[in-house]
């Protein structure tokens, strides 16, 4: 696998942190800290506690602790 490949997982926002960061509990039980992707920032999409989101994780990150929120599910 290439190091720039990414993994997409579903999760739920458990906590809103300062600086547009969020703590997300993934479907497999892991908890990661995520930021917003560019599309969500430019379109002023609001993410609240309890929202279902799609998270993009980089496989080059050891431990898969940091990610990007790329979609807010309805």
PDB file of N, CA and C in Angstrom:
ATOM      1  N   UNK A   1       0.833  -1.185   0.000  1.00  0.00           N
ATOM      2  CA  UNK A   1       0.000   0.000   0.000  1.00  0.00           C
ATOM      3  C   UNK A   1       0.876   1.246   0.000  1.00  0.00           C
ATOM      4  N   UNK A   2       0.388   2.291  -0.614  1.00  0.00           N
ATOM      5  CA  UNK A   2       1.080   3.566  -0.597  1.00  0.00           C
ATOM      6  C   UNK A   2       0.866   4.249   0.743  1.00  0.00           C
ATOM      7  N   UNK A   3       1.812   5.113   1.116  1.00  0.00           N
ATOM      8  CA  UNK A   3       1.673   5.803   2.397  1.00  0.00           C
ATOM      9  C   UNK A   3       0.663   6.937   2.340  1.00  0.00           C
ATOM     10  N   UNK A   4       0.294   7.386   1.121  1.00  0.00           N
ATOM     11  CA  UNK A   4      -0.678   8.466   1.029  1.00  0.00           C
ATOM     12  C   UNK A   4      -2.117   7.961   0.915  1.00  0.00           C
ATOM     13  N   UNK A   5      -2.323   6.664   1.048  1.00  0.00           N
ATOM     14  CA  UNK A   5      -3.685   6.133   1.016  1.00  0.00           C
ATOM     15  C   UNK A   5      -4.408   6.485   2.302  1.00  0.00           C
ATOM     16  N   UNK A   6      -5.718   6.593   2.197  1.00  0.00           N
ATOM     17  CA  UNK A   6      -6.513   6.999   3.341  1.00  0.00           C
ATOM     18  C   UNK A   6      -7.630   5.994   3.599  1.00  0.00           C
ATOM     19  N   UNK A   7      -8.084   5.971   4.849  1.00  0.00           N
ATOM     20  CA  UNK A   7      -9.154   5.077   5.292  1.00  0.00           C
ATOM     21  C   UNK A   7     -10.351   5.947   5.655  1.00  0.00           C
ATOM     22  N   UNK A   8     -11.528   5.583   5.163  1.00  0.00           N
ATOM     23  CA  UNK A   8     -12.754   6.293   5.525  1.00  0.00           C
ATOM     24  C   UNK A   8     -13.557   5.436   6.486  1.00  0.00           C
ATOM     25  N   UNK A   9     -13.917   6.014   7.627  1.00  0.00           N
ATOM     26  CA  UNK A   9     -14.705   5.330   8.641  1.00  0.00           C
ATOM     27  C   UNK A   9     -15.857   6.219   9.079  1.00  0.00           C
ATOM     28  N   UNK A  10     -16.900   5.602   9.604  1.00  0.00           N
ATOM     29  CA  UNK A  10     -18.051   6.317  10.149  1.00  0.00           C
ATOM     30  C   UNK A  10     -17.839   6.503  11.642  1.00  0.00           C
ATOM     31  N   UNK A  11     -18.354   7.606  12.171  1.00  0.00           N
ATOM     32  CA  UNK A  11     -18.217   7.864  13.592  1.00  0.00           C
ATOM     33  C   UNK A  11     -19.253   8.847  14.086  1.00  0.00           C
ATOM     34  N   UNK A  12     -19.203   9.106  15.395  1.00  0.00           N
ATOM     35  CA  UNK A  12     -20.120  10.040  16.040  1.00  0.00           C
ATOM     36  C   UNK A  12     -19.286  11.040  16.831  1.00  0.00           C
ATOM     37  N   UNK A  13     -19.614  12.328  16.707  1.00  0.00           N
ATOM     38  CA  UNK A  13     -18.901  13.373  17.437  1.00  0.00           C
ATOM     39  C   UNK A  13     -19.279  13.283  18.906  1.00  0.00           C
ATOM     40  N   UNK A  14     -18.270  13.141  19.768  1.00  0.00           N
ATOM     41  CA  UNK A  14     -18.529  13.042  21.200  1.00  0.00           C
ATOM     42  C   UNK A  14     -18.197  14.315  21.947  1.00  0.00           C
ATOM     43  N   UNK A  15     -17.324  15.161  21.366  1.00  0.00           N
ATOM     44  CA  UNK A  15     -16.917  16.378  22.059  1.00  0.00           C
ATOM     45  C   UNK A  15     -16.454  17.415  21.047  1.00  0.00           C
ATOM     46  N   UNK A  16     -16.779  18.680  21.295  1.00  0.00           N
ATOM     47  CA  UNK A  16     -16.317  19.789  20.454  1.00  0.00           C
ATOM     48  C   UNK A  16     -15.188  20.493  21.191  1.00  0.00           C
ATOM     49  N   UNK A  17     -14.023  20.590  20.548  1.00  0.00           N
ATOM     50  CA  UNK A  17     -12.842  21.190  21.143  1.00  0.00           C
ATOM     51  C   UNK A  17     -12.591  22.554  20.500  1.00  0.00           C
ATOM     52  N   UNK A  18     -11.791  23.416  21.129  1.00  0.00           N
ATOM     53  CA  UNK A  18     -11.502  24.712  20.523  1.00  0.00           C
ATOM     54  C   UNK A  18     -10.678  24.575  19.245  1.00  0.00           C
ATOM     55  N   UNK A  19     -10.791  25.563  18.370  1.00  0.00           N
ATOM     56  CA  UNK A  19     -10.018  25.570  17.143  1.00  0.00           C
ATOM     57  C   UNK A  19     -10.570  24.660  16.068  1.00  0.00           C
ATOM     58  N   UNK A  20     -11.878  24.503  16.007  1.00  0.00           N
ATOM     59  CA  UNK A  20     -12.584  23.631  15.049  1.00  0.00           C
ATOM     60  C   UNK A  20     -12.034  22.219  15.047  1.00  0.00           C
ATOM     61  N   UNK A  21     -11.765  21.696  16.227  1.00  0.00           N
ATOM     62  CA  UNK A  21     -11.370  20.296  16.377  1.00  0.00           C
ATOM     63  C   UNK A  21     -12.479  19.564  17.105  1.00  0.00           C
ATOM     64  N   UNK A  22     -12.576  18.282  16.827  1.00  0.00           N
ATOM     65  CA  UNK A  22     -13.642  17.468  17.394  1.00  0.00           C
ATOM     66  C   UNK A  22     -13.081  16.127  17.833  1.00  0.00           C
ATOM     67  N   UNK A  23     -13.651  15.593  18.903  1.00  0.00           N
ATOM     68  CA  UNK A  23     -13.312  14.245  19.332  1.00  0.00           C
ATOM     69  C   UNK A  23     -14.407  13.327  18.792  1.00  0.00           C
ATOM     70  N   UNK A  24     -14.002  12.308  18.019  1.00  0.00           N
ATOM     71  CA  UNK A  24     -14.948  11.441  17.324  1.00  0.00           C
ATOM     72  C   UNK A  24     -14.719  10.006  17.764  1.00  0.00           C
ATOM     73  N   UNK A  25     -15.813   9.324  18.112  1.00  0.00           N
ATOM     74  CA  UNK A  25     -15.744   7.892  18.405  1.00  0.00           C
ATOM     75  C   UNK A  25     -16.116   7.145  17.136  1.00  0.00           C
ATOM     76  N   UNK A  26     -15.180   6.359  16.627  1.00  0.00           N
ATOM     77  CA  UNK A  26     -15.375   5.640  15.381  1.00  0.00           C
ATOM     78  C   UNK A  26     -16.226   4.406  15.596  1.00  0.00           C
ATOM     79  N   UNK A  27     -16.699   3.817  14.502  1.00  0.00           N
ATOM     80  CA  UNK A  27     -17.577   2.650  14.584  1.00  0.00           C
ATOM     81  C   UNK A  27     -16.871   1.437  15.178  1.00  0.00           C
ATOM     82  N   UNK A  28     -15.534   1.405  15.131  1.00  0.00           N
ATOM     83  CA  UNK A  28     -14.802   0.275  15.703  1.00  0.00           C
ATOM     84  C   UNK A  28     -14.420   0.507  17.158  1.00  0.00           C
ATOM     85  N   UNK A  29     -14.848   1.641  17.738  1.00  0.00           N
ATOM     86  CA  UNK A  29     -14.616   1.895  19.149  1.00  0.00           C
ATOM     87  C   UNK A  29     -13.442   2.816  19.449  1.00  0.00           C
ATOM     88  N   UNK A  30     -12.589   3.092  18.474  1.00  0.00           N
ATOM     89  CA  UNK A  30     -11.454   3.984  18.677  1.00  0.00           C
ATOM     90  C   UNK A  30     -11.934   5.436  18.769  1.00  0.00           C
ATOM     91  N   UNK A  31     -11.169   6.247  19.487  1.00  0.00           N
ATOM     92  CA  UNK A  31     -11.466   7.665  19.603  1.00  0.00           C
ATOM     93  C   UNK A  31     -10.319   8.431  18.965  1.00  0.00           C
ATOM     94  N   UNK A  32     -10.651   9.392  18.082  1.00  0.00           N
ATOM     95  CA  UNK A  32      -9.619  10.188  17.419  1.00  0.00           C
ATOM     96  C   UNK A  32     -10.009  11.659  17.452  1.00  0.00           C
ATOM     97  N   UNK A  33      -9.008  12.519  17.278  1.00  0.00           N
ATOM     98  CA  UNK A  33      -9.209  13.951  17.210  1.00  0.00           C
ATOM     99  C   UNK A  33      -9.225  14.351  15.744  1.00  0.00           C
ATOM    100  N   UNK A  34     -10.259  15.080  15.336  1.00  0.00           N
ATOM    101  CA  UNK A  34     -10.435  15.396  13.920  1.00  0.00           C
ATOM    102  C   UNK A  34     -10.611  16.897  13.709  1.00  0.00           C
ATOM    103  N   UNK A  35     -10.198  17.345  12.524  1.00  0.00           N
ATOM    104  CA  UNK A  35     -10.428  18.708  12.087  1.00  0.00           C
ATOM    105  C   UNK A  35     -11.427  18.680  10.930  1.00  0.00           C
ATOM    106  N   UNK A  36     -11.867  19.849  10.493  1.00  0.00           N
ATOM    107  CA  UNK A  36     -12.804  19.925   9.371  1.00  0.00           C
ATOM    108  C   UNK A  36     -12.040  19.963   8.058  1.00  0.00           C
ATOM    109  N   UNK A  37     -12.612  19.369   7.031  1.00  0.00           N
ATOM    110  CA  UNK A  37     -12.018  19.451   5.702  1.00  0.00           C
ATOM    111  C   UNK A  37     -12.331  20.820   5.104  1.00  0.00           C
ATOM    112  N   UNK A  38     -11.692  21.143   3.995  1.00  0.00           N
ATOM    113  CA  UNK A  38     -11.850  22.445   3.363  1.00  0.00           C
ATOM    114  C   UNK A  38     -13.255  22.737   2.887  1.00  0.00           C
ATOM    115  N   UNK A  39     -13.939  21.718   2.331  1.00  0.00           N
ATOM    116  CA  UNK A  39     -15.306  21.933   1.836  1.00  0.00           C
ATOM    117  C   UNK A  39     -16.262  22.299   2.964  1.00  0.00           C
ATOM    118  N   UNK A  40     -16.092  21.659   4.113  1.00  0.00           N
ATOM    119  CA  UNK A  40     -16.982  21.962   5.234  1.00  0.00           C
ATOM    120  C   UNK A  40     -16.701  23.353   5.791  1.00  0.00           C
ATOM    121  N   UNK A  41     -15.436  23.766   5.797  1.00  0.00           N
ATOM    122  CA  UNK A  41     -15.098  25.106   6.288  1.00  0.00           C
ATOM    123  C   UNK A  41     -15.624  26.196   5.376  1.00  0.00           C
ATOM    124  N   UNK A  42     -15.415  26.049   4.073  1.00  0.00           N
ATOM    125  CA  UNK A  42     -15.810  27.111   3.142  1.00  0.00           C
ATOM    126  C   UNK A  42     -17.318  27.263   3.043  1.00  0.00           C
ATOM    127  N   UNK A  43     -18.065  26.189   3.249  1.00  0.00           N
ATOM    128  CA  UNK A  43     -19.520  26.244   3.181  1.00  0.00           C
ATOM    129  C   UNK A  43     -20.175  26.436   4.538  1.00  0.00           C
ATOM    130  N   UNK A  44     -19.379  26.692   5.583  1.00  0.00           N
ATOM    131  CA  UNK A  44     -19.867  26.965   6.931  1.00  0.00           C
ATOM    132  C   UNK A  44     -20.807  25.877   7.445  1.00  0.00           C
ATOM    133  N   UNK A  45     -20.429  24.617   7.230  1.00  0.00           N
ATOM    134  CA  UNK A  45     -21.226  23.499   7.738  1.00  0.00           C
ATOM    135  C   UNK A  45     -20.965  23.352   9.236  1.00  0.00           C
ATOM    136  N   UNK A  46     -22.021  23.371  10.014  1.00  0.00           N
ATOM    137  CA  UNK A  46     -21.888  23.267  11.467  1.00  0.00           C
ATOM    138  C   UNK A  46     -21.875  21.801  11.890  1.00  0.00           C
ATOM    139  N   UNK A  47     -20.945  21.468  12.759  1.00  0.00           N
ATOM    140  CA  UNK A  47     -20.844  20.131  13.326  1.00  0.00           C
ATOM    141  C   UNK A  47     -21.125  20.259  14.814  1.00  0.00           C
ATOM    142  N   UNK A  48     -22.077  19.487  15.308  1.00  0.00           N
ATOM    143  CA  UNK A  48     -22.458  19.533  16.713  1.00  0.00           C
ATOM    144  C   UNK A  48     -22.227  18.181  17.365  1.00  0.00           C
ATOM    145  N   UNK A  49     -22.248  18.187  18.675  1.00  0.00           N
ATOM    146  CA  UNK A  49     -22.095  16.959  19.440  1.00  0.00           C
ATOM    147  C   UNK A  49     -23.250  16.011  19.113  1.00  0.00           C
ATOM    148  N   UNK A  50     -22.932  14.765  18.803  1.00  0.00           N
ATOM    149  CA  UNK A  50     -23.938  13.775  18.461  1.00  0.00           C
ATOM    150  C   UNK A  50     -24.137  13.575  16.970  1.00  0.00           C
ATOM    151  N   UNK A  51     -23.524  14.395  16.132  1.00  0.00           N
ATOM    152  CA  UNK A  51     -23.657  14.257  14.685  1.00  0.00           C
ATOM    153  C   UNK A  51     -22.900  13.032  14.186  1.00  0.00           C
ATOM    154  N   UNK A  52     -23.492  12.339  13.227  1.00  0.00           N
ATOM    155  CA  UNK A  52     -22.817  11.224  12.559  1.00  0.00           C
ATOM    156  C   UNK A  52     -21.972  11.800  11.435  1.00  0.00           C
ATOM    157  N   UNK A  53     -20.699  11.402  11.367  1.00  0.00           N
ATOM    158  CA  UNK A  53     -19.775  11.967  10.389  1.00  0.00           C
ATOM    159  C   UNK A  53     -18.970  10.849   9.723  1.00  0.00           C
ATOM    160  N   UNK A  54     -18.388  11.188   8.571  1.00  0.00           N
ATOM    161  CA  UNK A  54     -17.441  10.315   7.899  1.00  0.00           C
ATOM    162  C   UNK A  54     -16.059  10.909   8.106  1.00  0.00           C
ATOM    163  N   UNK A  55     -15.133  10.080   8.596  1.00  0.00           N
ATOM    164  CA  UNK A  55     -13.792  10.530   8.946  1.00  0.00           C
ATOM    165  C   UNK A  55     -12.789   9.913   7.991  1.00  0.00           C
ATOM    166  N   UNK A  56     -11.825  10.715   7.568  1.00  0.00           N
ATOM    167  CA  UNK A  56     -10.761  10.296   6.668  1.00  0.00           C
ATOM    168  C   UNK A  56      -9.476  10.203   7.478  1.00  0.00           C
ATOM    169  N   UNK A  57      -8.930   8.984   7.639  1.00  0.00           N
ATOM    170  CA  UNK A  57      -7.704   8.767   8.407  1.00  0.00           C
ATOM    171  C   UNK A  57      -6.561   8.419   7.479  1.00  0.00           C
ATOM    172  N   UNK A  58      -5.382   8.934   7.764  1.00  0.00           N
ATOM    173  CA  UNK A  58      -4.195   8.617   6.990  1.00  0.00           C
ATOM    174  C   UNK A  58      -3.529   7.388   7.604  1.00  0.00           C
ATOM    175  N   UNK A  59      -3.123   6.446   6.769  1.00  0.00           N
ATOM    176  CA  UNK A  59      -2.498   5.237   7.303  1.00  0.00           C
ATOM    177  C   UNK A  59      -1.053   5.474   7.707  1.00  0.00           C
ATOM    178  N   UNK A  60      -0.466   6.624   7.321  1.00  0.00           N
ATOM    179  CA  UNK A  60       0.906   6.929   7.720  1.00  0.00           C
ATOM    180  C   UNK A  60       0.975   7.449   9.147  1.00  0.00           C
ATOM    181  N   UNK A  61      -0.181   7.820   9.736  1.00  0.00           N
ATOM    182  CA  UNK A  61      -0.226   8.309  11.110  1.00  0.00           C
ATOM    183  C   UNK A  61      -0.138   7.126  12.066  1.00  0.00           C
ATOM    184  N   UNK A  62       0.886   7.068  12.911  1.00  0.00           N
ATOM    185  CA  UNK A  62       0.983   5.945  13.845  1.00  0.00           C
ATOM    186  C   UNK A  62      -0.121   6.022  14.897  1.00  0.00           C
ATOM    187  N   UNK A  63      -0.867   4.958  15.030  1.00  0.00           N
ATOM    188  CA  UNK A  63      -1.936   4.902  16.016  1.00  0.00           C
ATOM    189  C   UNK A  63      -3.271   5.402  15.518  1.00  0.00           C
ATOM    190  N   UNK A  64      -3.318   6.010  14.343  1.00  0.00           N
ATOM    191  CA  UNK A  64      -4.553   6.526  13.755  1.00  0.00           C
ATOM    192  C   UNK A  64      -5.303   7.418  14.741  1.00  0.00           C
ATOM    193  N   UNK A  65      -4.604   8.400  15.307  1.00  0.00           N
ATOM    194  CA  UNK A  65      -5.203   9.287  16.310  1.00  0.00           C
ATOM    195  C   UNK A  65      -5.747  10.586  15.729  1.00  0.00           C
ATOM    196  N   UNK A  66      -5.298  10.980  14.536  1.00  0.00           N
ATOM    197  CA  UNK A  66      -5.730  12.246  13.942  1.00  0.00           C
ATOM    198  C   UNK A  66      -6.422  11.985  12.621  1.00  0.00           C
ATOM    199  N   UNK A  67      -7.452  12.773  12.337  1.00  0.00           N
ATOM    200  CA  UNK A  67      -8.185  12.583  11.089  1.00  0.00           C
ATOM    201  C   UNK A  67      -8.838  13.869  10.629  1.00  0.00           C
ATOM    202  N   UNK A  68      -9.610  13.751   9.545  1.00  0.00           N
ATOM    203  CA  UNK A  68     -10.339  14.861   8.957  1.00  0.00           C
ATOM    204  C   UNK A  68     -11.787  14.473   8.813  1.00  0.00           C
ATOM    205  N   UNK A  69     -12.698  15.337   9.185  1.00  0.00           N
ATOM    206  CA  UNK A  69     -14.120  15.112   8.960  1.00  0.00           C
ATOM    207  C   UNK A  69     -14.420  15.571   7.537  1.00  0.00           C
ATOM    208  N   UNK A  70     -14.841  14.643   6.684  1.00  0.00           N
ATOM    209  CA  UNK A  70     -15.079  14.993   5.289  1.00  0.00           C
ATOM    210  C   UNK A  70     -16.559  15.042   4.921  1.00  0.00           C
ATOM    211  N   UNK A  71     -17.431  14.534   5.785  1.00  0.00           N
ATOM    212  CA  UNK A  71     -18.855  14.528   5.473  1.00  0.00           C
ATOM    213  C   UNK A  71     -19.668  14.468   6.756  1.00  0.00           C
ATOM    214  N   UNK A  72     -20.763  15.239   6.786  1.00  0.00           N
ATOM    215  CA  UNK A  72     -21.712  15.175   7.894  1.00  0.00           C
ATOM    216  C   UNK A  72     -22.931  14.421   7.426  1.00  0.00           C
ATOM    217  N   UNK A  73     -23.203  13.278   8.021  1.00  0.00           N
ATOM    218  CA  UNK A  73     -24.342  12.452   7.631  1.00  0.00           C
ATOM    219  C   UNK A  73     -25.621  13.008   8.238  1.00  0.00           C
ATOM    220  N   UNK A  74     -26.726  12.739   7.561  1.00  0.00           N
ATOM    221  CA  UNK A  74     -28.022  13.230   8.038  1.00  0.00           C
ATOM    222  C   UNK A  74     -28.711  12.215   8.893  1.00  0.00           C
TER     223      UNK A  74
END
